[in-house]
């Protein structure tokens, strides 16, 4: 049951069209690299890349009960968006792609480098 829910949530990340990007017209998914490319287009002709989103966790990522991380992905946007994941649509791929509502939280993983000088030099 957990893996089914996880699979649905992960596929929703890959299949969602809007994601707050109103100019995303075409999306392609590469199953080998687990990457979605969102491209803008005009009359079906690609005019530019909007974003590339890569899934970092396995498709079948088992988690325990409670508040857990169910997916990690890296999103590279070509433009600055205030809140690109403000709205997400979720679809049940095992039930004729019926849309469903799910509360979700997302968090940013960031790194900072600090220089720590906690040593001294002793010369003899």
N, C-alpha and C. Protein backbone atom coordinates (compact mmCIF):
# COMPACT_ATOMS: atom_id res chain seq x y z
N UNK A 1 0.83 -1.19 0.00
CA UNK A 1 0.00 0.00 0.00
C UNK A 1 0.87 1.25 0.00
N UNK A 2 1.92 1.24 0.83
CA UNK A 2 2.81 2.40 0.91
C UNK A 2 3.50 2.65 -0.43
N UNK A 3 3.94 1.55 -1.05
CA UNK A 3 4.65 1.72 -2.31
C UNK A 3 3.71 2.20 -3.42
N UNK A 4 2.43 1.82 -3.36
CA UNK A 4 1.47 2.30 -4.35
C UNK A 4 1.25 3.80 -4.21
N UNK A 5 1.10 4.26 -2.98
CA UNK A 5 0.91 5.68 -2.73
C UNK A 5 2.15 6.45 -3.17
N UNK A 6 3.31 5.92 -2.84
CA UNK A 6 4.56 6.56 -3.22
C UNK A 6 4.70 6.64 -4.73
N UNK A 7 4.37 5.55 -5.40
CA UNK A 7 4.46 5.52 -6.85
C UNK A 7 3.55 6.58 -7.47
N UNK A 8 2.35 6.71 -6.93
CA UNK A 8 1.41 7.70 -7.44
C UNK A 8 1.96 9.11 -7.22
N UNK A 9 2.49 9.37 -6.04
CA UNK A 9 3.02 10.70 -5.75
C UNK A 9 4.22 11.01 -6.64
N UNK A 10 5.13 10.06 -6.81
CA UNK A 10 6.29 10.29 -7.65
C UNK A 10 5.90 10.51 -9.10
N UNK A 11 4.97 9.72 -9.59
CA UNK A 11 4.54 9.92 -10.96
C UNK A 11 3.81 11.24 -11.14
N UNK A 12 3.14 11.69 -10.09
CA UNK A 12 2.49 12.99 -10.17
C UNK A 12 3.51 14.10 -10.33
N UNK A 13 4.64 13.98 -9.65
CA UNK A 13 5.70 14.97 -9.83
C UNK A 13 6.16 14.99 -11.27
N UNK A 14 6.22 13.82 -11.88
CA UNK A 14 6.71 13.75 -13.25
C UNK A 14 5.65 14.13 -14.27
N UNK A 15 4.39 13.87 -13.97
CA UNK A 15 3.34 14.10 -14.95
C UNK A 15 2.64 15.43 -14.81
N UNK A 16 2.91 16.14 -13.75
CA UNK A 16 2.20 17.39 -13.52
C UNK A 16 2.58 18.38 -14.61
N UNK A 17 1.61 19.07 -15.12
CA UNK A 17 1.86 19.97 -16.23
C UNK A 17 2.08 21.40 -15.80
N UNK A 18 1.27 21.87 -14.91
CA UNK A 18 1.31 23.30 -14.61
C UNK A 18 2.45 23.63 -13.67
N UNK A 19 2.44 23.09 -12.48
CA UNK A 19 3.46 23.33 -11.46
C UNK A 19 3.71 24.82 -11.27
N UNK A 20 2.69 25.61 -11.50
CA UNK A 20 2.86 27.05 -11.34
C UNK A 20 3.54 27.71 -12.52
N UNK A 21 3.81 26.96 -13.56
CA UNK A 21 4.48 27.50 -14.74
C UNK A 21 3.47 27.60 -15.87
N UNK A 22 2.85 28.73 -16.01
CA UNK A 22 1.78 28.86 -16.98
C UNK A 22 2.29 28.78 -18.41
N UNK A 23 3.59 29.02 -18.64
CA UNK A 23 4.09 28.98 -19.99
C UNK A 23 4.68 27.62 -20.37
N UNK A 24 4.52 26.61 -19.53
CA UNK A 24 4.99 25.27 -19.86
C UNK A 24 4.01 24.63 -20.81
N UNK A 25 4.43 24.45 -22.03
CA UNK A 25 3.53 23.92 -23.04
C UNK A 25 3.83 22.45 -23.36
N UNK A 26 5.05 22.05 -23.23
CA UNK A 26 5.42 20.70 -23.62
C UNK A 26 6.32 20.10 -22.54
N UNK A 27 6.03 18.86 -22.19
CA UNK A 27 6.89 18.18 -21.22
C UNK A 27 7.30 16.83 -21.80
N UNK A 28 8.54 16.50 -21.56
CA UNK A 28 9.06 15.20 -22.00
C UNK A 28 9.69 14.52 -20.79
N UNK A 29 9.57 13.21 -20.75
CA UNK A 29 10.10 12.43 -19.63
C UNK A 29 11.06 11.39 -20.16
N UNK A 30 12.25 11.34 -19.61
CA UNK A 30 13.26 10.34 -19.94
C UNK A 30 13.30 9.34 -18.80
N UNK A 31 12.82 8.13 -19.05
CA UNK A 31 12.73 7.13 -17.98
C UNK A 31 14.10 6.60 -17.56
N UNK A 32 15.10 6.68 -18.43
CA UNK A 32 16.44 6.21 -18.05
C UNK A 32 17.08 7.12 -17.03
N UNK A 33 16.98 8.42 -17.24
CA UNK A 33 17.58 9.37 -16.31
C UNK A 33 16.57 9.89 -15.29
N UNK A 34 15.31 9.51 -15.42
CA UNK A 34 14.21 9.96 -14.55
C UNK A 34 14.18 11.49 -14.50
N UNK A 35 14.17 12.08 -15.69
CA UNK A 35 14.22 13.53 -15.83
C UNK A 35 13.04 14.01 -16.66
N UNK A 36 12.43 15.09 -16.19
CA UNK A 36 11.36 15.76 -16.94
C UNK A 36 11.92 17.08 -17.45
N UNK A 37 11.70 17.35 -18.73
CA UNK A 37 12.07 18.63 -19.33
C UNK A 37 10.79 19.38 -19.65
N UNK A 38 10.67 20.59 -19.16
CA UNK A 38 9.54 21.45 -19.46
C UNK A 38 10.01 22.50 -20.45
N UNK A 39 9.38 22.51 -21.61
CA UNK A 39 9.78 23.42 -22.67
C UNK A 39 8.62 24.33 -23.04
N UNK A 40 8.94 25.56 -23.39
CA UNK A 40 7.93 26.45 -23.94
C UNK A 40 7.90 26.23 -25.44
N UNK A 41 6.73 26.41 -26.01
CA UNK A 41 6.61 26.20 -27.44
C UNK A 41 5.60 27.18 -28.01
N UNK A 42 5.73 27.40 -29.30
CA UNK A 42 4.81 28.24 -30.03
C UNK A 42 4.41 27.46 -31.28
N UNK A 43 3.12 27.16 -31.40
CA UNK A 43 2.59 26.36 -32.50
C UNK A 43 3.29 25.01 -32.60
N UNK A 44 3.59 24.43 -31.45
CA UNK A 44 4.21 23.11 -31.42
C UNK A 44 5.71 23.11 -31.65
N UNK A 45 6.29 24.27 -31.83
CA UNK A 45 7.74 24.38 -32.06
C UNK A 45 8.40 24.83 -30.76
N UNK A 46 9.40 24.08 -30.35
CA UNK A 46 10.11 24.41 -29.11
C UNK A 46 10.79 25.76 -29.24
N UNK A 47 10.50 26.64 -28.27
CA UNK A 47 11.11 27.97 -28.29
C UNK A 47 12.11 28.16 -27.15
N UNK A 48 12.13 27.26 -26.20
CA UNK A 48 13.08 27.40 -25.11
C UNK A 48 12.83 26.38 -24.01
N UNK A 49 13.82 26.22 -23.17
CA UNK A 49 13.72 25.32 -22.03
C UNK A 49 13.31 26.12 -20.81
N UNK A 50 12.28 25.64 -20.11
CA UNK A 50 11.81 26.31 -18.90
C UNK A 50 12.47 25.70 -17.67
N UNK A 51 12.46 24.37 -17.62
CA UNK A 51 13.02 23.71 -16.43
C UNK A 51 13.41 22.28 -16.76
N UNK A 52 14.32 21.78 -15.95
CA UNK A 52 14.69 20.37 -15.98
C UNK A 52 14.59 19.86 -14.56
N UNK A 53 13.79 18.81 -14.36
CA UNK A 53 13.55 18.28 -13.02
C UNK A 53 13.96 16.82 -13.01
N UNK A 54 14.91 16.48 -12.13
CA UNK A 54 15.43 15.12 -12.05
C UNK A 54 15.07 14.50 -10.71
N UNK A 55 14.51 13.31 -10.76
CA UNK A 55 14.17 12.56 -9.56
C UNK A 55 15.43 11.94 -8.98
N UNK A 56 15.72 12.22 -7.71
CA UNK A 56 16.93 11.70 -7.07
C UNK A 56 16.68 10.42 -6.28
N UNK A 57 15.43 10.16 -5.92
CA UNK A 57 15.09 8.95 -5.17
C UNK A 57 14.59 7.89 -6.14
N UNK A 58 14.66 6.62 -5.74
CA UNK A 58 14.13 5.56 -6.61
C UNK A 58 12.62 5.71 -6.79
N UNK A 59 12.09 5.15 -7.87
CA UNK A 59 10.64 5.20 -8.08
C UNK A 59 9.90 4.45 -6.98
N UNK A 60 10.41 3.32 -6.56
CA UNK A 60 9.80 2.57 -5.46
C UNK A 60 10.61 2.84 -4.20
N UNK A 61 10.28 3.92 -3.54
CA UNK A 61 11.01 4.37 -2.36
C UNK A 61 10.11 4.15 -1.15
N UNK A 62 10.44 3.11 -0.38
CA UNK A 62 9.59 2.75 0.75
C UNK A 62 9.93 3.61 1.96
N UNK A 63 8.89 4.12 2.59
CA UNK A 63 9.05 4.95 3.78
C UNK A 63 8.16 4.39 4.88
N UNK A 64 8.50 4.74 6.10
CA UNK A 64 7.70 4.29 7.24
C UNK A 64 6.48 5.17 7.43
N UNK A 65 5.74 4.86 8.46
CA UNK A 65 4.56 5.66 8.78
C UNK A 65 4.97 7.01 9.34
N UNK A 66 4.10 7.95 9.21
CA UNK A 66 4.35 9.26 9.78
C UNK A 66 4.85 10.24 8.75
N UNK A 67 5.38 11.33 9.24
CA UNK A 67 5.86 12.42 8.40
C UNK A 67 7.23 12.05 7.86
N UNK A 68 7.30 11.69 6.60
CA UNK A 68 8.54 11.21 6.00
C UNK A 68 8.79 11.90 4.68
N UNK A 69 10.04 11.85 4.25
CA UNK A 69 10.38 12.31 2.91
C UNK A 69 10.00 11.20 1.93
N UNK A 70 9.19 11.52 0.95
CA UNK A 70 8.79 10.50 -0.02
C UNK A 70 9.44 10.68 -1.37
N UNK A 71 9.99 11.84 -1.64
CA UNK A 71 10.67 12.05 -2.92
C UNK A 71 11.66 13.19 -2.78
N UNK A 72 12.75 13.06 -3.50
CA UNK A 72 13.72 14.15 -3.57
C UNK A 72 14.03 14.35 -5.04
N UNK A 73 13.98 15.59 -5.47
CA UNK A 73 14.31 15.88 -6.85
C UNK A 73 15.06 17.19 -6.94
N UNK A 74 15.80 17.32 -8.03
CA UNK A 74 16.55 18.53 -8.30
C UNK A 74 15.87 19.26 -9.45
N UNK A 75 15.54 20.51 -9.22
CA UNK A 75 14.87 21.31 -10.24
C UNK A 75 15.77 22.46 -10.66
N UNK A 76 16.06 22.53 -11.93
CA UNK A 76 16.86 23.63 -12.49
C UNK A 76 15.95 24.45 -13.40
N UNK A 77 15.63 25.67 -12.96
CA UNK A 77 14.76 26.55 -13.71
C UNK A 77 15.60 27.57 -14.47
N UNK A 78 15.19 27.87 -15.68
CA UNK A 78 15.89 28.84 -16.51
C UNK A 78 15.50 30.27 -16.17
N UNK A 79 14.34 30.44 -15.53
CA UNK A 79 13.87 31.76 -15.09
C UNK A 79 13.71 31.73 -13.58
N UNK A 80 13.62 32.90 -12.98
CA UNK A 80 13.34 32.99 -11.55
C UNK A 80 11.84 32.96 -11.33
N UNK A 81 11.39 32.03 -10.52
CA UNK A 81 9.98 31.94 -10.15
C UNK A 81 9.89 32.12 -8.65
N UNK A 82 8.90 32.88 -8.20
CA UNK A 82 8.74 33.11 -6.76
C UNK A 82 8.43 31.81 -6.03
N UNK A 83 7.50 31.04 -6.53
CA UNK A 83 7.08 29.82 -5.87
C UNK A 83 6.64 28.81 -6.93
N UNK A 84 7.57 28.13 -7.58
CA UNK A 84 7.20 27.26 -8.70
C UNK A 84 6.37 26.04 -8.30
N UNK A 85 6.43 25.64 -7.05
CA UNK A 85 5.68 24.46 -6.63
C UNK A 85 4.49 24.82 -5.77
N UNK A 86 3.97 26.02 -5.96
CA UNK A 86 2.83 26.48 -5.17
C UNK A 86 1.60 25.60 -5.42
N UNK A 87 1.39 25.21 -6.65
CA UNK A 87 0.24 24.39 -6.99
C UNK A 87 0.73 23.16 -7.74
N UNK A 88 0.31 22.01 -7.28
CA UNK A 88 0.63 20.77 -7.97
C UNK A 88 -0.66 20.00 -8.16
N UNK A 89 -0.76 19.34 -9.29
CA UNK A 89 -1.88 18.47 -9.56
C UNK A 89 -1.41 17.04 -9.41
N UNK A 90 -2.22 16.22 -8.75
CA UNK A 90 -1.89 14.82 -8.54
C UNK A 90 -2.89 13.96 -9.28
N UNK A 91 -2.39 12.90 -9.93
CA UNK A 91 -3.22 12.00 -10.71
C UNK A 91 -2.94 10.57 -10.29
N UNK A 92 -3.98 9.78 -10.18
CA UNK A 92 -3.85 8.37 -9.84
C UNK A 92 -3.64 7.59 -11.13
N UNK A 93 -2.41 7.16 -11.38
CA UNK A 93 -2.10 6.48 -12.63
C UNK A 93 -2.72 5.10 -12.72
N UNK A 94 -3.10 4.53 -11.59
CA UNK A 94 -3.71 3.20 -11.60
C UNK A 94 -5.24 3.27 -11.65
N UNK A 95 -5.78 4.49 -11.64
CA UNK A 95 -7.24 4.65 -11.68
C UNK A 95 -7.60 5.65 -12.79
N UNK A 96 -7.20 5.34 -14.02
CA UNK A 96 -7.57 6.12 -15.21
C UNK A 96 -7.17 7.58 -15.11
N UNK A 97 -6.05 7.86 -14.46
CA UNK A 97 -5.51 9.21 -14.33
C UNK A 97 -6.51 10.19 -13.70
N UNK A 98 -7.31 9.68 -12.77
CA UNK A 98 -8.24 10.56 -12.05
C UNK A 98 -7.46 11.50 -11.14
N UNK A 99 -7.87 12.74 -11.15
CA UNK A 99 -7.21 13.76 -10.34
C UNK A 99 -7.66 13.63 -8.89
N UNK A 100 -6.72 13.80 -7.96
CA UNK A 100 -7.08 13.77 -6.55
C UNK A 100 -6.32 14.87 -5.82
N UNK A 101 -6.80 15.20 -4.63
CA UNK A 101 -6.21 16.26 -3.83
C UNK A 101 -5.37 15.66 -2.72
N UNK A 102 -4.20 16.24 -2.50
CA UNK A 102 -3.29 15.76 -1.46
C UNK A 102 -2.56 16.95 -0.87
N UNK A 103 -2.52 17.04 0.44
CA UNK A 103 -1.69 18.05 1.08
C UNK A 103 -0.24 17.62 1.00
N UNK A 104 0.63 18.55 0.73
CA UNK A 104 2.05 18.20 0.63
C UNK A 104 2.89 19.35 1.15
N UNK A 105 4.07 19.01 1.58
CA UNK A 105 5.08 19.97 2.01
C UNK A 105 6.31 19.75 1.15
N UNK A 106 6.97 20.79 0.81
CA UNK A 106 8.26 20.64 0.16
C UNK A 106 9.26 21.53 0.87
N UNK A 107 10.50 21.09 0.83
CA UNK A 107 11.56 21.80 1.52
C UNK A 107 12.74 21.94 0.58
N UNK A 108 13.47 23.01 0.76
CA UNK A 108 14.66 23.25 -0.04
C UNK A 108 15.87 22.69 0.69
N UNK A 109 16.68 21.96 -0.02
CA UNK A 109 17.94 21.47 0.51
C UNK A 109 19.03 22.42 0.03
N UNK A 110 19.68 23.07 0.98
CA UNK A 110 20.73 24.01 0.63
C UNK A 110 21.99 23.68 1.41
N UNK A 111 23.09 24.13 0.89
CA UNK A 111 24.38 23.93 1.55
C UNK A 111 25.05 25.28 1.70
N UNK A 112 25.76 25.44 2.81
CA UNK A 112 26.56 26.63 3.03
C UNK A 112 27.93 26.20 3.51
N UNK A 113 28.94 26.87 3.00
CA UNK A 113 30.31 26.60 3.42
C UNK A 113 30.73 27.63 4.44
N UNK A 114 31.31 27.16 5.52
CA UNK A 114 31.81 28.04 6.57
C UNK A 114 33.29 27.79 6.75
N UNK A 115 34.01 28.85 7.00
CA UNK A 115 35.42 28.73 7.33
C UNK A 115 35.54 28.83 8.85
N UNK A 116 36.00 27.77 9.47
CA UNK A 116 36.12 27.73 10.92
C UNK A 116 37.59 27.69 11.28
N UNK A 117 38.04 28.75 11.94
CA UNK A 117 39.43 28.81 12.38
C UNK A 117 39.45 28.50 13.87
N UNK A 118 39.43 27.23 14.20
CA UNK A 118 39.41 26.83 15.60
C UNK A 118 40.72 26.14 15.99
N UNK A 119 41.79 26.60 15.42
CA UNK A 119 43.09 26.03 15.73
C UNK A 119 44.12 27.16 15.83
N UNK A 120 45.23 26.85 16.44
CA UNK A 120 46.32 27.82 16.54
C UNK A 120 47.62 27.17 16.11
N UNK A 121 48.54 27.99 15.68
CA UNK A 121 49.84 27.49 15.29
C UNK A 121 50.80 27.63 16.46
N UNK A 122 51.55 26.57 16.75
CA UNK A 122 52.58 26.61 17.78
C UNK A 122 53.91 26.30 17.13
N UNK A 123 54.81 27.27 17.18
CA UNK A 123 56.12 27.08 16.60
C UNK A 123 57.13 26.86 17.72
N UNK A 124 57.97 25.90 17.54
CA UNK A 124 58.98 25.63 18.57
C UNK A 124 60.32 26.19 18.20
